[in-house]
C-alpha atoms as a PDB file:
ATOM      1  CA  MET A   1      31.351  13.091 293.236  1.00  0.00           C
ATOM      2  CA  ALA A   2      28.170  11.455 295.028  1.00  0.00           C
ATOM      3  CA  VAL A   3      26.075  13.710 297.373  1.00  0.00           C
ATOM      4  CA  LYS A   4      26.204  12.846 300.894  1.00  0.00           C
ATOM      5  CA  ALA A   5      23.342  11.220 302.785  1.00  0.00           C
ATOM      6  CA  GLY A   6      21.517  12.989 305.772  1.00  0.00           C
ATOM      7  CA  ALA A   7      23.739  10.136 308.343  1.00  0.00           C
ATOM      8  CA  ASP A   8      26.837  10.722 306.552  1.00  0.00           C
ATOM      9  CA  ILE A   9      26.700  15.098 307.322  1.00  0.00           C
ATOM     10  CA  CYS A  10      25.417  14.224 310.584  1.00  0.00           C
ATOM     11  CA  GLY A  11      29.179  15.179 312.321  1.00  0.00           C
ATOM     12  CA  GLU A  12      29.591  18.485 309.857  1.00  0.00           C
ATOM     13  CA  VAL A  13      26.419  19.338 310.782  1.00  0.00           C
ATOM     14  CA  LEU A  14      26.742  19.226 314.430  1.00  0.00           C
ATOM     15  CA  LEU A  15      30.417  20.660 314.693  1.00  0.00           C
ATOM     16  CA  THR A  16      28.919  22.863 312.422  1.00  0.00           C
ATOM     17  CA  LEU A  17      26.187  24.313 314.756  1.00  0.00           C
ATOM     18  CA  ALA A  18      28.726  24.105 317.770  1.00  0.00           C
ATOM     19  CA  GLN A  19      30.980  26.587 316.357  1.00  0.00           C
ATOM     20  CA  LEU A  20      28.737  28.984 315.164  1.00  0.00           C
ATOM     21  CA  ARG A  21      25.718  28.795 317.403  1.00  0.00           C
ATOM     22  CA  LEU A  22      22.602  28.676 315.466  1.00  0.00           C
ATOM     23  CA  ALA A  23      21.674  28.380 311.410  1.00  0.00           C
ATOM     24  CA  THR A  24      18.959  27.631 309.647  1.00  0.00           C
ATOM     25  CA  PRO A  25      18.772  24.312 306.695  1.00  0.00           C
ATOM     26  CA  ARG A  26      19.096  26.681 303.983  1.00  0.00           C
ATOM     27  CA  GLN A  27      23.024  28.260 305.455  1.00  0.00           C
ATOM     28  CA  LEU A  28      23.769  24.585 306.486  1.00  0.00           C
ATOM     29  CA  LYS A  29      23.142  23.669 303.144  1.00  0.00           C
ATOM     30  CA  ALA A  30      25.110  26.657 301.209  1.00  0.00           C
ATOM     31  CA  LEU A  31      28.029  25.203 303.835  1.00  0.00           C
ATOM     32  CA  LEU A  32      28.310  22.113 303.569  1.00  0.00           C
ATOM     33  CA  LEU A  33      26.301  20.936 300.728  1.00  0.00           C
ATOM     34  CA  PRO A  34      26.937  23.576 298.224  1.00  0.00           C
ATOM     35  CA  ARG A  35      26.172  22.036 294.664  1.00  0.00           C
ATOM     36  CA  GLN A  36      22.877  20.196 296.535  1.00  0.00           C
ATOM     37  CA  GLN A  37      19.554  21.556 295.268  1.00  0.00           C
ATOM     38  CA  GLY A  38      17.707  21.386 298.444  1.00  0.00           C
ATOM     39  CA  THR A  39      18.104  20.985 301.811  1.00  0.00           C
ATOM     40  CA  ASP A  40      16.233  17.547 302.564  1.00  0.00           C
ATOM     41  CA  HIS A  41      19.695  15.823 303.840  1.00  0.00           C
ATOM     42  CA  VAL A  42      20.297  18.879 306.040  1.00  0.00           C
ATOM     43  CA  ARG A  43      17.316  18.175 307.442  1.00  0.00           C
ATOM     44  CA  ARG A  44      17.468  14.505 307.587  1.00  0.00           C
ATOM     45  CA  ALA A  45      20.808  14.882 309.275  1.00  0.00           C
ATOM     46  CA  LEU A  46      19.145  17.983 311.924  1.00  0.00           C
ATOM     47  CA  ARG A  47      16.066  14.966 312.678  1.00  0.00           C
ATOM     48  CA  ASN A  48      18.694  12.149 313.124  1.00  0.00           C
ATOM     49  CA  LEU A  49      20.774  14.496 315.514  1.00  0.00           C
ATOM     50  CA  LEU A  50      17.482  15.480 317.508  1.00  0.00           C
ATOM     51  CA  ALA A  51      16.633  11.726 318.217  1.00  0.00           C
ATOM     52  CA  GLU A  52      19.107  10.776 319.825  1.00  0.00           C
ATOM     53  CA  SER A  53      18.845  11.110 323.482  1.00  0.00           C
ATOM     54  CA  PRO A  54      19.749  13.188 324.808  1.00  0.00           C
ATOM     55  CA  ALA A  55      19.184  15.378 321.441  1.00  0.00           C
ATOM     56  CA  LEU A  56      22.034  17.044 320.069  1.00  0.00           C
ATOM     57  CA  VAL A  57      21.014  19.584 318.969  1.00  0.00           C
ATOM     58  CA  GLY A  58      17.017  22.281 319.188  1.00  0.00           C
ATOM     59  CA  ARG A  59      15.299  24.210 317.382  1.00  0.00           C
ATOM     60  CA  ALA A  60      12.909  26.758 317.216  1.00  0.00           C
ATOM     61  CA  HIS A  61      10.478  27.978 315.266  1.00  0.00           C
ATOM     62  CA  ARG A  62       9.138  31.861 314.012  1.00  0.00           C
ATOM     63  CA  LYS A  63       7.116  32.731 310.821  1.00  0.00           C
ATOM     64  CA  GLN A  64       7.229  28.889 309.364  1.00  0.00           C
ATOM     65  CA  GLN A  65      11.274  28.828 309.484  1.00  0.00           C
ATOM     66  CA  SER A  66      13.434  26.813 311.618  1.00  0.00           C
ATOM     67  CA  TYR A  67      16.331  28.004 313.543  1.00  0.00           C
ATOM     68  CA  TRP A  68      18.445  24.865 314.914  1.00  0.00           C
ATOM     69  CA  TYR A  69      21.356  25.139 317.675  1.00  0.00           C
ATOM     70  CA  CYS A  70      23.265  22.739 319.627  1.00  0.00           C
ATOM     71  CA  THR A  71      21.967  21.635 322.973  1.00  0.00           C
ATOM     72  CA  PRO A  72      24.798  20.883 325.735  1.00  0.00           C
ATOM     73  CA  ALA A  73      24.826  17.019 324.713  1.00  0.00           C
ATOM     74  CA  GLY A  74      25.783  18.379 321.402  1.00  0.00           C
ATOM     75  CA  LEU A  75      28.201  20.549 322.316  1.00  0.00           C
ATOM     76  CA  ALA A  76      29.752  18.140 324.621  1.00  0.00           C
ATOM     77  CA  GLU A  77      29.819  15.694 322.077  1.00  0.00           C
ATOM     78  CA  ALA A  78      31.162  18.059 319.273  1.00  0.00           C
ATOM     79  CA  ALA A  79      33.960  19.103 321.485  1.00  0.00           C
ATOM     80  CA  ALA A  80      34.859  15.040 322.411  1.00  0.00           C
ATOM     81  CA  SER A  81      35.515  14.873 318.758  1.00  0.00           C
ATOM     82  CA  GLY A  82      38.570  16.883 318.823  1.00  0.00           C
ATOM     83  CA  GLU A  83      37.659  18.435 315.938  1.00  0.00           C
ATOM     84  CA  LEU A  84      36.764  21.517 317.988  1.00  0.00           C
ATOM     85  CA  ALA A  85      38.968  24.327 318.897  1.00  0.00           C
ATOM     86  CA  PRO A  86      39.480  24.173 322.399  1.00  0.00           C
ATOM     87  CA  ARG A  87      37.574  27.634 324.164  1.00  0.00           C
ATOM     88  CA  ALA A  88      36.228  28.190 327.766  1.00  0.00           C
ATOM     89  CA  GLY A  89      32.746  29.240 327.678  1.00  0.00           C
ATOM     90  CA  ARG A  90      31.430  28.099 324.493  1.00  0.00           C
ATOM     91  CA  THR A  91      27.765  28.231 325.364  1.00  0.00           C
ATOM     92  CA  THR A  92      24.283  26.449 323.021  1.00  0.00           C
ATOM     93  CA  GLY A  93      22.716  28.801 320.894  1.00  0.00           C
ATOM     94  CA  LYS A  94      19.586  27.958 322.736  1.00  0.00           C
ATOM     95  CA  ARG A  95      19.177  31.907 323.945  1.00  0.00           C
ATOM     96  CA  VAL A  96      19.815  33.500 320.258  1.00  0.00           C
ATOM     97  CA  ALA A  97      17.763  30.983 318.498  1.00  0.00           C
ATOM     98  CA  ALA A  98      14.624  31.340 320.594  1.00  0.00           C
ATOM     99  CA  GLY A  99      15.572  34.887 321.970  1.00  0.00           C
ATOM    100  CA  LYS A 100      14.224  37.891 320.842  1.00  0.00           C
ATOM    101  CA  THR A 101      14.101  38.597 317.325  1.00  0.00           C
ATOM    102  CA  GLY A 102      16.697  41.116 316.762  1.00  0.00           C
ATOM    103  CA  LEU A 103      19.330  38.609 318.965  1.00  0.00           C
ATOM    104  CA  ARG A 104      18.247  35.893 316.159  1.00  0.00           C
ATOM    105  CA  GLU A 105      18.678  37.953 313.028  1.00  0.00           C
ATOM    106  CA  HIS A 106      22.074  39.781 314.351  1.00  0.00           C
ATOM    107  CA  GLY A 107      23.165  35.989 314.865  1.00  0.00           C
ATOM    108  CA  LEU A 108      21.994  34.533 311.222  1.00  0.00           C
ATOM    109  CA  ALA A 109      23.398  37.855 309.666  1.00  0.00           C
ATOM    110  CA  LEU A 110      26.666  36.471 310.941  1.00  0.00           C
ATOM    111  CA  VAL A 111      25.900  33.014 309.761  1.00  0.00           C
ATOM    112  CA  ASP A 112      25.444  34.508 306.348  1.00  0.00           C
ATOM    113  CA  THR A 113      28.577  36.287 306.124  1.00  0.00           C
ATOM    114  CA  VAL A 114      30.301  33.384 306.954  1.00  0.00           C
ATOM    115  CA  VAL A 115      28.328  31.613 304.192  1.00  0.00           C
ATOM    116  CA  ALA A 116      29.595  34.769 301.910  1.00  0.00           C
ATOM    117  CA  PHE A 117      33.044  34.044 302.738  1.00  0.00           C
ATOM    118  CA  HIS A 118      33.011  30.499 301.879  1.00  0.00           C
ATOM    119  CA  GLU A 119      31.348  30.502 298.755  1.00  0.00           C
ATOM    120  CA  ALA A 120      34.306  32.997 297.710  1.00  0.00           C
ATOM    121  CA  GLN A 121      37.050  30.774 299.127  1.00  0.00           C
ATOM    122  CA  ALA A 122      38.359  33.869 301.008  1.00  0.00           C
ATOM    123  CA  ALA A 123      37.900  31.826 304.336  1.00  0.00           C
ATOM    124  CA  ASP A 124      36.600  28.291 305.166  1.00  0.00           C
ATOM    125  CA  HIS A 125      33.567  28.144 307.639  1.00  0.00           C
ATOM    126  CA  ALA A 126      35.392  25.888 309.991  1.00  0.00           C
ATOM    127  CA  ASP A 127      38.568  28.929 310.274  1.00  0.00           C
ATOM    128  CA  TRP A 128      35.355  31.053 312.674  1.00  0.00           C
ATOM    129  CA  GLN A 129      35.286  31.769 315.851  1.00  0.00           C
ATOM    130  CA  VAL A 130      32.184  33.589 317.476  1.00  0.00           C
ATOM    131  CA  GLU A 131      32.126  35.789 319.913  1.00  0.00           C
ATOM    132  CA  VAL A 132      35.431  35.083 321.905  1.00  0.00           C
ATOM    133  CA  ALA A 133      36.573  36.907 324.983  1.00  0.00           C
ATOM    134  CA  HIS A 134      39.898  39.098 324.630  1.00  0.00           C
ATOM    135  CA  PRO A 135      41.372  41.004 327.251  1.00  0.00           C
ATOM    136  CA  THR A 136      42.066  45.024 327.404  1.00  0.00           C
ATOM    137  CA  PRO A 137      42.579  47.639 329.865  1.00  0.00           C
ATOM    138  CA  ALA A 138      39.129  48.378 330.038  1.00  0.00           C
ATOM    139  CA  GLY A 139      37.700  45.039 329.982  1.00  0.00           C
ATOM    140  CA  ASN A 140      36.755  42.057 327.423  1.00  0.00           C
ATOM    141  CA  LEU A 141      36.381  43.513 324.279  1.00  0.00           C
ATOM    142  CA  VAL A 142      33.972  40.443 322.261  1.00  0.00           C
ATOM    143  CA  PRO A 143      33.987  40.387 318.951  1.00  0.00           C
ATOM    144  CA  ASP A 144      30.995  39.072 316.612  1.00  0.00           C
ATOM    145  CA  GLY A 145      33.040  37.140 314.932  1.00  0.00           C
ATOM    146  CA  VAL A 146      37.524  36.664 314.535  1.00  0.00           C
ATOM    147  CA  VAL A 147      38.021  34.727 310.914  1.00  0.00           C
ATOM    148  CA  LEU A 148      41.219  33.370 309.577  1.00  0.00           C
ATOM    149  CA  LEU A 149      41.348  34.259 306.084  1.00  0.00           C
ATOM    150  CA  ALA A 150      42.387  32.276 303.640  1.00  0.00           C
ATOM    151  CA  THR A 151      46.114  34.283 303.130  1.00  0.00           C
ATOM    152  CA  GLY A 152      46.968  33.000 306.459  1.00  0.00           C
ATOM    153  CA  SER A 153      46.140  36.397 308.173  1.00  0.00           C
ATOM    154  CA  SER A 154      43.299  37.148 310.493  1.00  0.00           C
ATOM    155  CA  ALA A 155      40.069  39.507 310.887  1.00  0.00           C
ATOM    156  CA  PHE A 156      37.803  40.855 313.341  1.00  0.00           C
ATOM    157  CA  VAL A 157      34.275  41.443 311.958  1.00  0.00           C
ATOM    158  CA  GLU A 158      31.405  43.068 313.540  1.00  0.00           C
ATOM    159  CA  ILE A 159      27.693  42.365 312.519  1.00  0.00           C
ATOM    160  CA  ASP A 160      25.504  45.686 312.658  1.00  0.00           C
ATOM    161  CA  ARG A 161      21.779  46.266 313.121  1.00  0.00           C
ATOM    162  CA  THR A 162      20.883  48.404 315.339  1.00  0.00           C
ATOM    163  CA  MET A 163      23.963  49.160 317.429  1.00  0.00           C
ATOM    164  CA  SER A 164      24.447  53.197 318.249  1.00  0.00           C
ATOM    165  CA  TYR A 165      26.965  54.845 316.508  1.00  0.00           C
ATOM    166  CA  ALA A 166      28.359  55.971 320.480  1.00  0.00           C
ATOM    167  CA  ARG A 167      28.432  52.078 320.902  1.00  0.00           C
ATOM    168  CA  LEU A 168      30.283  51.158 317.439  1.00  0.00           C
ATOM    169  CA  VAL A 169      32.800  54.068 318.306  1.00  0.00           C
ATOM    170  CA  ALA A 170      33.481  52.930 321.576  1.00  0.00           C
ATOM    171  CA  LYS A 171      34.150  49.140 320.356  1.00  0.00           C
ATOM    172  CA  LEU A 172      36.100  50.829 317.777  1.00  0.00           C
ATOM    173  CA  GLU A 173      38.141  52.010 321.089  1.00  0.00           C
ATOM    174  CA  ARG A 174      37.933  49.099 322.866  1.00  0.00           C
ATOM    175  CA  TYR A 175      40.405  47.598 319.588  1.00  0.00           C
ATOM    176  CA  ASP A 176      42.450  50.048 320.051  1.00  0.00           C
ATOM    177  CA  ALA A 177      42.879  49.372 324.032  1.00  0.00           C
ATOM    178  CA  TYR A 178      43.189  45.586 322.716  1.00  0.00           C
ATOM    179  CA  ARG A 179      46.224  46.529 320.890  1.00  0.00           C
ATOM    180  CA  ASN A 180      48.416  46.738 323.675  1.00  0.00           C
ATOM    181  CA  ALA A 181      46.786  44.122 325.952  1.00  0.00           C
ATOM    182  CA  PRO A 182      49.542  41.653 327.299  1.00  0.00           C
ATOM    183  CA  PRO A 183      49.724  38.335 326.614  1.00  0.00           C
ATOM    184  CA  SER A 184      47.593  36.467 329.562  1.00  0.00           C
ATOM    185  CA  GLY A 185      49.964  33.470 331.471  1.00  0.00           C
ATOM    186  CA  ARG A 186      53.688  33.643 331.694  1.00  0.00           C
ATOM    187  CA  GLY A 187      55.766  35.053 329.169  1.00  0.00           C
ATOM    188  CA  ASN A 188      58.567  33.643 327.425  1.00  0.00           C
ATOM    189  CA  ALA A 189      61.944  35.853 329.070  1.00  0.00           C
ATOM    190  CA  ALA A 190      63.987  34.452 325.879  1.00  0.00           C
ATOM    191  CA  ARG A 191      61.998  36.118 323.328  1.00  0.00           C
ATOM    192  CA  ALA A 192      60.520  39.810 323.207  1.00  0.00           C
ATOM    193  CA  PRO A 193      57.691  40.915 324.669  1.00  0.00           C
ATOM    194  CA  ARG A 194      54.685  40.720 322.489  1.00  0.00           C
ATOM    195  CA  SER A 195      50.469  41.428 323.007  1.00  0.00           C
ATOM    196  CA  HIS A 196      47.909  39.271 323.438  1.00  0.00           C
ATOM    197  CA  TRP A 197      47.092  40.047 319.679  1.00  0.00           C
ATOM    198  CA  GLN A 198      50.253  39.234 318.477  1.00  0.00           C
ATOM    199  CA  GLU A 199      50.404  36.112 320.326  1.00  0.00           C
ATOM    200  CA  THR A 200      46.990  34.977 319.317  1.00  0.00           C
ATOM    201  CA  TYR A 201      46.658  35.920 315.730  1.00  0.00           C
ATOM    202  CA  THR A 202      50.564  35.904 314.131  1.00  0.00           C
ATOM    203  CA  ARG A 203      52.248  32.779 315.107  1.00  0.00           C
ATOM    204  CA  SER A 204      55.304  32.788 314.631  1.00  0.00           C
ATOM    205  CA  SER A 205      55.478  35.992 312.609  1.00  0.00           C
ATOM    206  CA  MET A 206      56.305  39.752 313.849  1.00  0.00           C
ATOM    207  CA  ASP A 207      55.363  41.169 310.759  1.00  0.00           C
ATOM    208  CA  ARG A 208      51.903  40.754 310.224  1.00  0.00           C
ATOM    209  CA  PRO A 209      49.939  43.647 311.365  1.00  0.00           C
ATOM    210  CA  PHE A 210      47.091  44.223 313.618  1.00  0.00           C
ATOM    211  CA  PRO A 211      44.169  42.161 311.811  1.00  0.00           C
ATOM    212  CA  PRO A 212      41.633  44.556 310.254  1.00  0.00           C
ATOM    213  CA  VAL A 213      37.928  45.579 311.662  1.00  0.00           C
ATOM    214  CA  LEU A 214      35.460  44.921 309.279  1.00  0.00           C
ATOM    215  CA  PHE A 215      31.804  46.157 309.896  1.00  0.00           C
ATOM    216  CA  VAL A 216      28.867  44.094 308.269  1.00  0.00           C
ATOM    217  CA  PHE A 217      25.419  46.583 308.195  1.00  0.00           C
ATOM    218  CA  ALA A 218      22.994  44.337 307.889  1.00  0.00           C
ATOM    219  CA  PRO A 219      18.978  45.636 307.482  1.00  0.00           C
ATOM    220  CA  ALA A 220      16.968  45.754 310.708  1.00  0.00           C
ATOM    221  CA  PRO A 221      13.027  47.156 310.803  1.00  0.00           C
ATOM    222  CA  ARG A 222      12.483  50.931 311.541  1.00  0.00           C
ATOM    223  CA  ARG A 223      16.441  51.872 311.085  1.00  0.00           C
ATOM    224  CA  ALA A 224      18.201  53.444 308.585  1.00  0.00           C
ATOM    225  CA  ALA A 225      18.719  51.403 305.435  1.00  0.00           C
ATOM    226  CA  PRO A 226      22.152  49.702 306.087  1.00  0.00           C
ATOM    227  CA  ALA A 227      24.309  51.730 303.022  1.00  0.00           C
ATOM    228  CA  THR A 228      22.853  55.116 304.961  1.00  0.00           C
ATOM    229  CA  ARG A 229      24.119  53.956 308.193  1.00  0.00           C
ATOM    230  CA  GLU A 230      27.237  53.023 306.786  1.00  0.00           C
ATOM    231  CA  ALA A 231      28.235  56.355 305.628  1.00  0.00           C
ATOM    232  CA  ALA A 232      26.859  57.816 309.310  1.00  0.00           C
ATOM    233  CA  PHE A 233      29.085  55.278 310.775  1.00  0.00           C
ATOM    234  CA  HIS A 234      32.177  56.315 308.540  1.00  0.00           C
ATOM    235  CA  GLU A 235      31.920  60.089 309.341  1.00  0.00           C
ATOM    236  CA  ARG A 236      32.106  59.376 313.593  1.00  0.00           C
ATOM    237  CA  ALA A 237      35.077  56.569 312.940  1.00  0.00           C
ATOM    238  CA  ARG A 238      37.644  58.933 311.047  1.00  0.00           C
ATOM    239  CA  ARG A 239      38.046  60.695 313.704  1.00  0.00           C
ATOM    240  CA  VAL A 240      38.989  58.196 316.632  1.00  0.00           C
ATOM    241  CA  HIS A 241      42.796  58.371 316.820  1.00  0.00           C
ATOM    242  CA  SER A 242      43.748  54.525 315.823  1.00  0.00           C
ATOM    243  CA  VAL A 243      42.151  54.591 312.344  1.00  0.00           C
ATOM    244  CA  ASN A 244      44.191  53.961 309.294  1.00  0.00           C
ATOM    245  CA  TYR A 245      47.281  54.984 311.700  1.00  0.00           C
ATOM    246  CA  ARG A 246      47.235  51.682 314.070  1.00  0.00           C
ATOM    247  CA  ILE A 247      43.797  49.694 312.785  1.00  0.00           C
ATOM    248  CA  ILE A 248      42.576  49.620 309.326  1.00  0.00           C
ATOM    249  CA  VAL A 249      38.297  49.783 309.607  1.00  0.00           C
ATOM    250  CA  ALA A 250      36.653  48.360 306.404  1.00  0.00           C
ATOM    251  CA  THR A 251      32.759  48.305 305.791  1.00  0.00           C
ATOM    252  CA  THR A 252      30.486  46.762 303.547  1.00  0.00           C
ATOM    253  CA  THR A 253      26.776  46.203 303.833  1.00  0.00           C
ATOM    254  CA  LEU A 254      25.508  42.253 304.092  1.00  0.00           C
ATOM    255  CA  ALA A 255      23.096  42.909 300.883  1.00  0.00           C
ATOM    256  CA  GLN A 256      26.470  43.696 298.613  1.00  0.00           C
ATOM    257  CA  LEU A 257      28.469  41.148 300.847  1.00  0.00           C
ATOM    258  CA  THR A 258      26.052  38.209 299.785  1.00  0.00           C
ATOM    259  CA  GLU A 259      25.388  39.450 296.286  1.00  0.00           C
ATOM    260  CA  HIS A 260      29.551  40.098 295.339  1.00  0.00           C
ATOM    261  CA  GLY A 261      31.084  38.009 297.906  1.00  0.00           C
ATOM    262  CA  PRO A 262      34.272  39.858 300.027  1.00  0.00           C
ATOM    263  CA  ASP A 263      36.680  39.021 297.172  1.00  0.00           C
ATOM    264  CA  GLN A 264      35.266  42.183 295.183  1.00  0.00           C
ATOM    265  CA  PRO A 265      35.374  45.842 295.558  1.00  0.00           C
ATOM    266  CA  VAL A 266      32.444  46.074 298.261  1.00  0.00           C
ATOM    267  CA  TRP A 267      34.887  47.148 300.721  1.00  0.00           C
ATOM    268  CA  ARG A 268      34.922  51.194 301.786  1.00  0.00           C
ATOM    269  CA  VAL A 269      38.114  52.097 303.932  1.00  0.00           C
ATOM    270  CA  VAL A 270      37.230  54.245 307.258  1.00  0.00           C
ATOM    271  CA  GLY A 271      39.243  57.755 305.618  1.00  0.00           C
ATOM    272  CA  ASP A 272      38.981  56.806 302.055  1.00  0.00           C
ATOM    273  CA  GLY A 273      35.114  56.066 301.663  1.00  0.00           C
ATOM    274  CA  GLU A 274      34.621  56.976 298.734  1.00  0.00           C
ATOM    275  CA  THR A 275      36.614  53.892 296.712  1.00  0.00           C
ATOM    276  CA  ALA A 276      35.404  50.697 296.888  1.00  0.00           C
ATOM    277  CA  LEU A 277      38.038  47.831 297.561  1.00  0.00           C
ATOM    278  CA  PRO A 278      38.344  43.874 297.532  1.00  0.00           C
ATOM    279  CA  TRP A 279      39.336  42.639 300.643  1.00  0.00           C
ATOM    280  CA  LEU A 280      42.958  41.559 299.030  1.00  0.00           C
ATOM    281  CA  ARG A 281      43.117  45.313 298.818  1.00  0.00           C
ATOM    282  CA  CYS A 282      42.545  46.945 301.834  1.00  0.00           C
ATOM    283  CA  PRO A 283      45.604  48.279 303.387  1.00  0.00           C
ATOM    284  CA  LYS A 284      47.479  47.631 306.235  1.00  0.00           C
ATOM    285  CA  PRO A 285      48.417  50.020 309.393  1.00  0.00           C
ATOM    286  CA  ALA A 286      51.769  51.072 309.517  1.00  0.00           C
ATOM    287  CA  GLU A 287      53.285  52.126 312.852  1.00  0.00           C
ATOM    288  CA  PRO A 288      55.717  54.892 313.253  1.00  0.00           C
ATOM    289  CA  ARG A 289      59.702  55.047 314.541  1.00  0.00           C
ATOM    290  CA  ASP A 290      60.925  57.447 316.266  1.00  0.00           C
ATOM    291  CA  GLY A 291      58.573  59.781 315.591  1.00  0.00           C
ATOM    292  CA  THR A 292      58.898  59.407 311.589  1.00  0.00           C
ATOM    293  CA  ALA A 293      57.623  56.604 309.628  1.00  0.00           C
ATOM    294  CA  ALA A 294      60.506  54.875 307.735  1.00  0.00           C
ATOM    295  CA  ALA A 295      60.139  54.419 303.393  1.00  0.00           C
ATOM    296  CA  GLY A 296      56.591  53.186 302.706  1.00  0.00           C
ATOM    297  CA  GLN A 297      56.152  52.512 306.490  1.00  0.00           C
ATOM    298  CA  GLY A 298      54.029  55.046 306.523  1.00  0.00           C
ATOM    299  CA  CYS A 299      52.033  54.141 303.646  1.00  0.00           C
ATOM    300  CA  ALA A 300      49.120  51.624 303.576  1.00  0.00           C
ATOM    301  CA  GLU A 301      49.249  47.918 302.272  1.00  0.00           C
ATOM    302  CA  PRO A 302      46.969  45.956 301.046  1.00  0.00           C
ATOM    303  CA  PHE A 303      46.198  42.989 303.832  1.00  0.00           C
ATOM    304  CA  GLY A 304      47.301  39.549 302.835  1.00  0.00           C
ATOM    305  CA  GLU A 305      49.596  40.513 299.768  1.00  0.00           C
ATOM    306  CA  SER A 306      53.124  40.716 299.801  1.00  0.00           C
ATOM    307  CA  GLY A 307      55.594  42.910 298.070  1.00  0.00           C
ATOM    308  CA  ASP A 308      56.557  46.124 297.841  1.00  0.00           C
ATOM    309  CA  ARG A 309      54.414  48.634 299.671  1.00  0.00           C
ATOM    310  CA  LEU A 310      54.669  51.594 297.427  1.00  0.00           C
ATOM    311  CA  ALA A 311      54.223  49.659 294.443  1.00  0.00           C
ATOM    312  CA  ALA A 312      51.438  48.058 296.155  1.00  0.00           C
ATOM    313  CA  LEU A 313      49.964  51.177 296.873  1.00  0.00           C
ATOM    314  CA  ALA A 314      50.187  52.435 293.090  1.00  0.00           C
ATOM    315  CA  ARG A 315      48.088  49.907 291.954  1.00  0.00           C
ATOM    316  CA  LEU A 316      45.135  50.614 293.939  1.00  0.00           C
ATOM    317  CA  PRO A 317      42.212  51.484 291.978  1.00  0.00           C
ATOM    318  CA  GLY A 318      42.006  54.982 291.155  1.00  0.00           C
ATOM    319  CA  ARG A 319      45.708  55.741 291.719  1.00  0.00           C
ATOM    320  CA  ALA A 320      47.690  54.723 288.476  1.00  0.00           C
ATOM    321  CA  GLY A 321      51.002  56.393 288.449  1.00  0.00           C
ATOM    322  CA  ALA A 322      50.353  57.531 291.755  1.00  0.00           C
ATOM    323  CA  VAL A 323      51.632  57.071 295.409  1.00  0.00           C
ATOM    324  CA  ALA A 324      48.899  57.139 297.999  1.00  0.00           C
ATOM    325  CA  HIS A 325      49.552  57.429 301.816  1.00  0.00           C
ATOM    326  CA  PHE A 326      46.935  57.170 304.740  1.00  0.00           C
ATOM    327  CA  ARG A 327      47.005  59.229 307.465  1.00  0.00           C
ATOM    328  CA  VAL A 328      50.721  59.751 307.660  1.00  0.00           C
ATOM    329  CA  THR A 329      51.317  59.984 311.824  1.00  0.00           C
ATOM    330  CA  ALA A 330      50.224  63.339 312.195  1.00  0.00           C
ATOM    331  CA  ARG A 331      47.601  63.140 315.078  1.00  0.00           C
ATOM    332  CA  ALA A 332      50.126  60.853 317.173  1.00  0.00           C
ATOM    333  CA  ALA A 333      53.788  62.272 316.410  1.00  0.00           C
ATOM    334  CA  PRO A 334      53.204  66.007 315.187  1.00  0.00           C
ATOM    335  CA  GLY A 335      55.613  66.771 312.736  1.00  0.00           C
ATOM    336  CA  ALA A 336      56.197  63.273 311.050  1.00  0.00           C
ATOM    337  CA  ARG A 337      56.585  62.791 306.981  1.00  0.00           C
ATOM    338  CA  CYS A 338      55.961  60.249 304.980  1.00  0.00           C
ATOM    339  CA  GLY A 339      59.273  58.373 303.484  1.00  0.00           C
ATOM    340  CA  GLY A 340      57.720  57.546 300.526  1.00  0.00           C
ATOM    341  CA  CYS A 341      56.302  60.692 299.232  1.00  0.00           C
ATOM    342  CA  GLY A 342      57.521  63.286 302.079  1.00  0.00           C
ATOM    343  CA  GLY A 343      54.209  64.202 302.374  1.00  0.00           C
ATOM    344  CA  GLY A 344      52.433  64.757 306.252  1.00  0.00           C
ATOM    345  CA  GLY A 345      49.074  65.263 307.665  1.00  0.00           C
ATOM    346  CA  GLN A 346      46.147  63.379 307.896  1.00  0.00           C
ATOM    347  CA  LEU A 347      44.724  63.737 304.027  1.00  0.00           C
ATOM    348  CA  LEU A 348      44.888  60.693 301.345  1.00  0.00           C
ATOM    349  CA  HIS A 349      46.486  61.809 298.135  1.00  0.00           C
ATOM    350  CA  GLY A 350      48.886  60.991 295.349  1.00  0.00           C
ATOM    351  CA  ALA A 351      51.823  61.763 294.138  1.00  0.00           C
ATOM    352  CA  GLY A 352      51.550  64.990 291.521  1.00  0.00           C
ATOM    353  CA  SER A 353      47.734  65.355 293.056  1.00  0.00           C
END
């Protein structure tokens, strides 16, 4: 396959910058020309876009590195192409690229996350949305990213470099509030009521669970190491009422994600942080019915996979021959029992343990 020249990828470069807000030439090459050795073709495309009148892209320089973003004219051009998902309030990445180091590094860490999913074919880079507001009764929830996975399900993605643990936990609680947010606009009287997330992320299927929340811990100067912050976050997040029962939260570090990929066992689920899982094996939340979990309904199931829930659980690493379950429903419905194993309470365990 012939390598595209700089002029041939101008449109793809512009769309990618409009979607992700900012990127370096190296990141753009990884997304658009992964088999290319250097960044020459990407840089040529960027220069061509910069030379347009008015310029369609802009750049900022810091420490011999260039950071590229769409200008307002570039955003308008990308939107006019019809290739960009319609979205109100889309902004250029100039504030991020030319702003404080922390804001820029946060944006670049998100793009590195996009690259990791793209390279593992877990999600195409075009299937990401950045900082889209979601309504909740307590105010808007603004995830760092939302991704449509290759399985057809979605996931929320949060990048942490410097945020306090209290703010991280507060954001988890905002996700719980979003679960019950009504859809925007008028509903359909002929259809059962659906929440905003069901209208947005489940398409026509009512069986899809609430999207998992994936936290990626990235390095930052004068902060504890990402793995240390990840462990401390687990200690606090597992006390949040909805975690594992209504919302699945999984974490990793940016170094693990970029080195091994999201399809490898790099994810640690809050509530079972000792076991690292591939993203396909991360569990789904379960909804109780009438205070009692139906057979298998109180147990977790790998999101993105179909099949019998209990059989899927038995295949989890370290769970061979046992039916594992997550925090059944005790916190929301005291005395509830798991239909799969008859157990109750909040501990993760296997049959016969």
